[in-house]
Structure formats: structure tokens, C-alpha cells
Protein backbone atom coordinates (compact mmCIF):
# COMPACT_ATOMS: atom_id res chain seq x y z
CA MET A 1 0.00 0.00 0.00
CA LYS A 2 1.36 3.41 -0.98
CA ARG A 3 1.82 5.89 1.87
CA LEU A 4 -0.30 8.92 1.00
CA THR A 5 -0.38 12.57 1.99
CA VAL A 6 -4.02 13.13 2.92
CA LEU A 7 -5.26 16.72 3.15
CA VAL A 8 -8.35 17.18 5.29
CA ASP A 9 -10.61 20.21 5.62
CA MET A 10 -11.86 21.13 9.08
CA ASP A 11 -15.25 22.93 9.07
CA ASP A 12 -18.15 20.57 8.23
CA THR A 13 -15.67 17.87 7.26
CA ILE A 14 -14.35 16.70 10.62
CA GLU A 15 -16.48 18.94 12.84
CA ASP A 16 -20.08 20.17 12.63
CA LEU A 17 -19.67 23.94 12.34
CA LEU A 18 -22.95 24.44 10.50
CA GLY A 19 -25.02 22.59 13.09
CA ALA A 20 -23.55 24.55 16.00
CA TRP A 21 -23.84 27.84 14.10
CA VAL A 22 -27.50 27.39 13.17
CA ASP A 23 -28.39 26.16 16.67
CA THR A 24 -26.76 29.23 18.22
CA LEU A 25 -28.62 31.65 15.92
CA ASN A 26 -31.93 29.84 16.45
CA GLU A 27 -31.53 30.06 20.22
CA GLN A 28 -30.40 33.67 20.21
CA TYR A 29 -32.96 35.07 17.74
CA HIS A 30 -35.82 32.57 18.18
CA THR A 31 -35.64 31.42 14.58
CA ALA A 32 -36.34 27.87 13.46
CA VAL A 33 -33.87 27.14 10.66
CA ASP A 34 -33.01 23.48 10.04
CA PRO A 35 -29.30 22.98 9.17
CA ASN A 36 -30.36 20.53 6.45
CA ASP A 37 -32.19 23.37 4.70
CA VAL A 38 -29.04 25.51 4.40
CA SER A 39 -28.49 24.62 0.75
CA ASP A 40 -26.12 27.47 -0.09
CA TRP A 41 -22.60 28.38 1.05
CA ASP A 42 -23.94 31.75 2.29
CA VAL A 43 -25.64 30.95 5.61
CA ALA A 44 -27.00 34.51 5.86
CA LYS A 45 -29.49 33.79 3.04
CA PHE A 46 -31.41 31.50 5.40
CA PHE A 47 -31.77 34.13 8.14
CA PRO A 48 -33.46 36.93 6.18
CA THR A 49 -34.53 38.78 9.32
CA LEU A 50 -30.93 39.10 10.51
CA THR A 51 -28.11 41.30 9.29
CA LYS A 52 -24.88 39.70 8.09
CA PRO A 53 -22.98 40.97 11.15
CA GLN A 54 -25.61 39.27 13.35
CA VAL A 55 -25.30 36.00 11.42
CA PHE A 56 -21.50 35.95 11.58
CA ALA A 57 -21.17 37.19 15.15
CA PRO A 58 -21.04 33.69 16.72
CA ILE A 59 -17.96 32.80 14.66
CA TYR A 60 -16.03 35.58 16.43
CA ASN A 61 -17.21 34.57 19.90
CA ASP A 62 -14.71 32.37 21.71
CA ASP A 63 -17.45 30.64 23.71
CA PHE A 64 -19.14 29.54 20.49
CA TRP A 65 -16.30 27.22 19.48
CA ARG A 66 -16.83 25.16 22.63
CA THR A 67 -20.23 24.14 21.21
CA VAL A 68 -18.79 22.78 17.96
CA LYS A 69 -18.63 18.98 18.09
CA PRO A 70 -16.72 16.47 15.92
CA ILE A 71 -18.43 14.62 13.11
CA ASP A 72 -19.11 10.98 13.95
CA GLY A 73 -16.27 8.69 12.95
CA ALA A 74 -13.84 11.45 11.91
CA ALA A 75 -11.34 10.97 14.74
CA ASP A 76 -11.34 7.19 14.41
CA ALA A 77 -10.85 7.35 10.65
CA LEU A 78 -7.97 9.83 10.86
CA GLN A 79 -6.26 7.77 13.56
CA GLN A 80 -6.62 4.64 11.44
CA LEU A 81 -5.19 6.42 8.39
CA ILE A 82 -2.19 7.48 10.48
CA ALA A 83 -1.81 3.91 11.77
CA ASP A 84 -1.87 2.74 8.13
CA GLY A 85 1.18 4.92 7.49
CA HIS A 86 -0.45 7.91 5.80
CA ARG A 87 0.45 11.55 6.58
CA ILE A 88 -2.50 13.73 7.64
CA TYR A 89 -2.60 17.50 7.25
CA ILE A 90 -5.54 19.66 8.31
CA VAL A 91 -5.96 22.31 5.62
CA THR A 92 -8.32 25.09 6.65
CA SER A 93 -9.07 28.67 5.58
CA SER A 94 -9.94 29.79 9.12
CA PHE A 95 -10.21 33.46 10.04
CA TYR A 96 -7.09 34.61 11.89
CA GLU A 97 -9.24 36.21 14.61
CA THR A 98 -10.72 32.84 15.57
CA LEU A 99 -7.83 30.55 14.73
CA ALA A 100 -6.35 30.03 18.21
CA VAL A 101 -9.62 29.21 19.99
CA LYS A 102 -10.80 27.05 17.10
CA MET A 103 -7.64 24.97 17.25
CA THR A 104 -7.64 24.70 21.04
CA ASP A 105 -11.34 24.07 21.67
CA VAL A 106 -12.12 21.95 18.63
CA LEU A 107 -9.18 20.44 16.76
CA PHE A 108 -6.79 19.65 19.59
CA ARG A 109 -9.63 18.86 21.99
CA TYR A 110 -11.26 16.19 19.84
CA PHE A 111 -8.25 15.22 17.72
CA PRO A 112 -5.42 15.26 20.30
CA PHE A 113 -3.19 13.08 18.09
CA LEU A 114 -2.77 16.08 15.75
CA LYS A 115 -0.32 18.93 16.42
CA TRP A 116 0.28 22.44 15.09
CA GLU A 117 2.78 21.07 12.57
CA ASP A 118 -0.10 19.09 11.05
CA VAL A 119 -2.10 22.24 10.28
CA ILE A 120 -1.93 24.35 7.11
CA ILE A 121 -3.85 27.64 6.93
CA THR A 122 -4.76 28.70 3.40
CA SER A 123 -7.66 29.84 1.24
CA HIS A 124 -5.97 28.37 -1.85
CA LYS A 125 -5.95 24.64 -1.23
CA GLN A 126 -5.10 23.82 -4.84
CA LEU A 127 -1.59 25.14 -4.13
CA ILE A 128 -0.98 22.45 -1.49
CA HIS A 129 0.68 19.27 -2.69
CA GLY A 130 -1.09 16.12 -1.56
CA ASP A 131 -2.47 12.84 -2.83
CA VAL A 132 -6.01 13.29 -1.47
CA LEU A 133 -8.22 16.15 -0.32
CA VAL A 134 -11.34 15.55 1.75
CA ASP A 135 -13.47 18.70 1.82
CA ASP A 136 -17.10 19.82 1.81
CA GLY A 137 -16.29 22.84 -0.36
CA VAL A 138 -16.60 22.14 -4.08
CA HIS A 139 -14.47 25.21 -4.84
CA ASN A 140 -11.60 23.72 -2.85
CA LEU A 141 -11.67 20.46 -4.80
CA GLU A 142 -12.10 21.83 -8.32
CA GLY A 143 -8.81 22.28 -10.12
CA GLY A 144 -6.76 20.44 -7.52
CA ASP A 145 -4.17 17.82 -8.46
CA TYR A 146 -5.33 15.22 -5.95
CA LEU A 147 -7.99 12.58 -5.43
CA LYS A 148 -11.12 14.59 -4.67
CA ILE A 149 -13.42 13.38 -1.91
CA LEU A 150 -16.48 15.58 -1.38
CA MET A 151 -17.91 15.34 2.13
CA ASP A 152 -21.66 15.53 1.75
CA ALA A 153 -23.23 18.72 3.16
CA PRO A 154 -26.56 20.51 2.59
CA HIS A 155 -24.90 23.29 0.60
CA ASN A 156 -23.25 20.94 -1.93
CA ARG A 157 -26.07 18.46 -2.59
CA GLY A 158 -27.07 20.20 -5.80
CA TYR A 159 -23.61 19.63 -7.24
CA ASP A 160 -22.93 16.70 -9.58
CA ALA A 161 -19.86 15.27 -7.86
CA GLU A 162 -19.35 12.43 -10.34
CA ARG A 163 -19.36 14.81 -13.27
CA GLY A 164 -16.88 17.00 -11.41
CA GLY A 165 -14.48 14.08 -10.94
CA MET A 166 -15.19 13.77 -7.23
CA HIS A 167 -16.23 10.99 -4.87
CA ARG A 168 -19.18 12.07 -2.72
CA VAL A 169 -19.20 10.45 0.73
CA THR A 170 -21.72 10.69 3.56
CA SER A 171 -19.52 9.25 6.30
CA TRP A 172 -15.92 8.93 7.33
CA ASP A 173 -16.19 5.16 6.95
CA ASP A 174 -16.82 5.73 3.25
CA ALA A 175 -13.97 8.24 3.01
CA TYR A 176 -11.58 5.82 4.69
CA ASP A 177 -12.53 3.02 2.29
CA ILE A 178 -11.95 5.20 -0.78
CA ILE A 179 -8.58 6.44 0.49
CA THR A 180 -7.44 2.90 1.33
CA GLN A 181 -8.52 1.57 -2.05
CA TYR A 182 -6.68 4.45 -3.75
CA ALA A 183 -3.52 3.71 -1.73
CA PHE A 184 -3.49 0.10 -2.87
CA GLN A 185 -4.23 1.08 -6.47
CA SER A 186 -1.48 3.73 -6.45
CA GLU A 187 1.05 1.17 -5.23
CA HIS A 188 0.00 -1.24 -7.98
CA ASP A 189 0.26 1.50 -10.62
CA GLY A 190 3.73 2.36 -9.34
CA GLU A 191 4.81 -1.26 -9.64
CA GLU A 192 3.58 -1.39 -13.21
CA VAL A 193 5.66 1.68 -14.07
CA GLU A 194 8.74 0.07 -12.53
CA HIS A 195 8.19 -3.16 -14.45
CA ASP A 196 7.67 -1.28 -17.69
CA ARG A 197 11.06 0.40 -17.22
CA MET A 198 12.87 -2.92 -16.70
CA THR A 199 14.71 -4.61 -19.53
CA VAL A 200 13.29 -8.13 -19.55
CA ILE A 201 14.57 -10.70 -22.04
CA LEU A 202 13.38 -14.29 -22.33
CA TYR A 203 16.04 -16.60 -23.70
CA SER A 204 14.09 -19.45 -25.25
CA THR A 205 14.28 -22.26 -27.79
CA GLY A 206 10.55 -22.91 -27.69
CA CYS A 207 10.94 -25.84 -25.32
CA PRO A 208 7.97 -26.91 -23.13
CA ARG A 209 9.26 -25.03 -20.09
CA CYS A 210 10.05 -22.07 -22.33
CA LYS A 211 6.37 -22.01 -23.34
CA VAL A 212 5.27 -22.18 -19.69
CA LEU A 213 7.43 -19.21 -18.74
CA ARG A 214 6.33 -17.25 -21.79
CA GLN A 215 2.66 -17.80 -20.89
CA LYS A 216 3.38 -16.61 -17.35
CA LEU A 217 4.98 -13.45 -18.68
CA ASP A 218 2.07 -12.79 -21.03
CA ASN A 219 -0.41 -13.15 -18.17
CA SER A 220 1.62 -10.81 -15.94
CA GLY A 221 1.52 -7.90 -18.37
CA VAL A 222 5.27 -7.34 -18.12
CA GLN A 223 6.87 -6.01 -21.30
CA TYR A 224 9.59 -8.35 -22.56
CA THR A 225 11.41 -9.51 -25.64
CA VAL A 226 12.34 -13.01 -26.77
CA ASN A 227 15.87 -13.94 -27.82
CA ASP A 228 16.20 -17.32 -29.51
CA SER A 229 19.80 -16.88 -30.64
CA VAL A 230 21.85 -19.86 -29.50
CA ASP A 231 25.05 -17.87 -30.06
CA ASP A 232 23.85 -15.16 -27.69
CA MET A 233 22.92 -17.78 -25.10
CA LEU A 234 26.30 -19.48 -25.31
CA ALA A 235 28.05 -16.12 -25.04
CA LEU A 236 26.18 -15.51 -21.76
CA GLY A 237 26.99 -19.00 -20.47
CA ILE A 238 23.41 -20.20 -20.72
CA ALA A 239 23.49 -23.97 -20.89
CA GLN A 240 19.83 -24.69 -20.16
CA VAL A 241 16.71 -22.78 -21.19
CA PRO A 242 14.56 -20.98 -20.47
CA VAL A 243 16.44 -18.15 -18.77
CA LEU A 244 14.96 -14.76 -17.93
CA SER A 245 17.21 -11.71 -17.94
CA ILE A 246 16.03 -8.88 -15.63
CA ASP A 247 18.19 -5.80 -16.25
CA GLY A 248 21.08 -8.16 -16.97
CA GLU A 249 20.48 -10.55 -14.05
CA LEU A 250 19.98 -14.09 -15.33
CA LEU A 251 17.27 -16.16 -13.67
CA PRO A 252 16.89 -19.89 -14.35
CA PHE A 253 13.42 -21.35 -14.87
CA ALA A 254 12.43 -21.84 -11.19
CA LYS A 255 13.69 -18.42 -10.13
CA ALA A 256 12.05 -16.81 -13.14
CA ILE A 257 8.68 -18.37 -12.29
CA GLU A 258 9.06 -17.14 -8.70
CA TRP A 259 9.84 -13.60 -9.91
CA VAL A 260 6.81 -13.51 -12.20
CA ASN A 261 4.53 -14.84 -9.44
CA GLN A 262 5.63 -12.04 -7.12
CA ILE A 263 4.59 -9.30 -9.54
CA HIS A 264 1.45 -10.91 -10.97
């Protein structure tokens, strides 16, 4: 399995900012907005009786961040990804005024296995190099050179994730499965590239064992050439065929079969 660099958004990806935000406004202003009805990135549109400063005020209140809870399964999934050997970075575009309390009361409180060196603050996530990004913001995934995992949220449900080259997930179990599958696939792809770059020559006279080894090579997908020149074989000291040359290393039949089995 390839060891990946996994970039992970914070708000509404590993913690429920929207739920806490809407609950706070409902309690403070006696409104009755359901977080599942907030189908646009601009939360203020769903509180038409409030001004934008009123809607955004909770974000700048330190006490508010103590009400923000983790999304089910997020901590377990991130810990398992780390245990699998992957590198996790939290990539968030947090406001600088709220950054310290947000990190202390949410990230490091519920994800204590993460440290400051695991956090990247940016509004331009496409500039960050990684293998995977998990994010609820479509705009953060579009144009990025990474596997795109869209965490389902009310504001992005009208977006066609498949058409946008993204994997929509509704849980961290699903996200973990996709990342793990991608890690195994990436390792396999890397092996194929390595094998394609090898110089593989089958020295053969068409004998029965030669045909067995040739069939094995065909099934493996490894690129190879066949040399049936007896003079070339004698010059290399080959007294019995078949022999497989891997970048100049000569493998007799049994060793050649073993090598092919390991890569197939």
C-alpha cells in the first residue's frame, strides 16, 4: 500500500460547524432554521430577518467554538489512516481572529493526536501538494491535483460530484474506504511503471518449459522480448533454457517463475 499525503478540511468535514452555528442563531434570535435546509454556502441567506454581522457574530465569539462537536467517525478514521502509514494535514481557511480558539477548543480537543505542525492555513488549497483532499467545499476540490473526496453537506447536494471528478461520501467510513482503495491502487500502478522500465529478455528455444514461462509473462503484463539466438545464449553462459534476464540478471526457470509470481 502506498503511503499517501491526505489533506483534510476542518469545518463541516471533521467537525459540525454548521449545526452549532444554526443552533446558536436559532436560540439567540428565536428562529427555526433546520441545518439541512441551508443549501447554499452563504448561511445569511437562510436568516433573512438578521443582518450579516448578526449571522456571523457567533464565529467571532470564543465561547461559540466550545459548542462545535466532531463529526461521527472522523477521529477514528484519521487515527486509522495514520496507523496505516499515511500523513494527515488539516488544511483550513480559518479566520485569523478565531484561529487560536478554534484549534484549542475543537481540533486539539477532539483530535489530540494532531499537532500544530499538522495544520496548514490557506484559502488556496489547490496550491498544497497532496495525494487526497477531503473537503465539503466544491471550490476547494475543483482544479486540484489530488484525489477529490467531497464530504456531503446541505450546501453541496445540488452539485454533480461524479461529473466534477469527485467521490461524494456521507460518512468517514466511506472516506476511509476510498482512500485505502486508492492507496493500494497507487502502489500497484507504481509497480507497473517500474516493471515497464525494466529490460526483460526471455532466452528461449521454444521448449515446453520455455512455453510455460512465456505464458506466465504474457499473463503478468510485463513487457519483454524473446531472444532465440543460440550464439547469444552461449556467449552468456546459458546452458539450459529458459532463462529470464532482468536488467542483466539471469534467472533460471524456477527463479524466473518465482519472480513472475511475485509481480502478478
